[in-house]
């Protein structure tokens, strides 16, 4: 029988990853464009969005600008 996770704790950067991925999907921006925005290839961009804890501050700001996400929303999505 599979285990059930009764605790709904989120990973520290899960909300930020969802925000970035959702904004990219809404605006129909692919990983090629996101990678170009942060100066990386599409595979690296994809890996960084899946694990936003690995993003640098400058990459996060560049993604926010590309995806038109206000800085306040980015700050609110970051958990410590």
Protein backbone atom coordinates (compact mmCIF):
# COMPACT_ATOMS: atom_id res chain seq x y z
CA UNK A 1 0.00 0.00 0.00
CA UNK A 2 1.46 3.43 -0.90
CA UNK A 3 2.39 5.84 1.81
CA UNK A 4 0.22 8.85 2.46
CA UNK A 5 1.79 12.19 3.19
CA UNK A 6 -0.46 13.84 5.74
CA UNK A 7 1.82 16.80 6.21
CA UNK A 8 1.29 19.48 3.56
CA UNK A 9 4.65 21.17 3.98
CA UNK A 10 6.01 22.79 0.88
CA UNK A 11 9.63 22.76 -0.11
CA UNK A 12 11.26 26.13 0.55
CA UNK A 13 11.24 27.28 -3.08
CA UNK A 14 8.24 25.38 -4.42
CA UNK A 15 5.99 28.43 -4.59
CA UNK A 16 8.63 30.42 -6.49
CA UNK A 17 9.04 27.60 -9.01
CA UNK A 18 5.30 27.45 -9.56
CA UNK A 19 5.14 31.21 -10.04
CA UNK A 20 7.91 31.19 -12.67
CA UNK A 21 6.63 28.12 -14.53
CA UNK A 22 3.03 29.37 -14.45
CA UNK A 23 3.98 32.80 -15.78
CA UNK A 24 6.02 31.23 -18.58
CA UNK A 25 3.11 28.97 -19.50
CA UNK A 26 0.58 31.84 -19.41
CA UNK A 27 2.72 34.00 -21.67
CA UNK A 28 3.68 31.07 -23.93
CA UNK A 29 7.39 31.67 -23.38
CA UNK A 30 9.53 28.60 -23.93
CA UNK A 31 12.71 27.49 -22.25
CA UNK A 32 14.74 28.73 -25.22
CA UNK A 33 13.63 32.31 -24.55
CA UNK A 34 14.03 31.99 -20.79
CA UNK A 35 17.49 30.54 -21.24
CA UNK A 36 18.45 33.42 -23.52
CA UNK A 37 17.10 35.90 -20.95
CA UNK A 38 19.40 34.55 -18.23
CA UNK A 39 22.33 33.79 -20.55
CA UNK A 40 22.08 30.00 -20.29
CA UNK A 41 20.89 27.20 -22.56
CA UNK A 42 17.36 25.81 -22.37
CA UNK A 43 18.35 22.72 -20.36
CA UNK A 44 20.00 24.83 -17.67
CA UNK A 45 17.04 27.23 -17.61
CA UNK A 46 14.65 24.31 -17.19
CA UNK A 47 16.71 22.81 -14.36
CA UNK A 48 16.94 26.16 -12.58
CA UNK A 49 13.19 26.76 -12.77
CA UNK A 50 12.53 23.26 -11.42
CA UNK A 51 14.93 24.03 -8.57
CA UNK A 52 14.65 27.81 -8.05
CA UNK A 53 16.96 27.65 -5.05
CA UNK A 54 19.82 27.38 -7.54
CA UNK A 55 18.94 30.70 -9.24
CA UNK A 56 21.18 33.66 -8.62
CA UNK A 57 19.60 36.98 -7.70
CA UNK A 58 20.48 38.48 -11.08
CA UNK A 59 18.94 35.48 -12.91
CA UNK A 60 15.80 35.79 -10.83
CA UNK A 61 15.50 39.49 -11.62
CA UNK A 62 16.04 38.81 -15.34
CA UNK A 63 13.36 36.10 -15.32
CA UNK A 64 10.99 38.41 -13.47
CA UNK A 65 11.47 41.08 -16.11
CA UNK A 66 11.08 38.64 -19.00
CA UNK A 67 7.93 37.14 -17.48
CA UNK A 68 6.58 40.54 -16.36
CA UNK A 69 6.31 39.46 -12.73
CA UNK A 70 6.37 42.38 -10.27
CA UNK A 71 9.24 42.29 -7.79
CA UNK A 72 6.76 42.22 -4.89
CA UNK A 73 5.29 38.95 -6.18
CA UNK A 74 8.76 37.44 -6.50
CA UNK A 75 9.62 38.49 -2.96
CA UNK A 76 6.35 37.06 -1.62
CA UNK A 77 7.05 33.71 -3.30
CA UNK A 78 10.47 33.31 -1.66
CA UNK A 79 10.38 31.24 1.53
CA UNK A 80 13.25 30.86 3.96
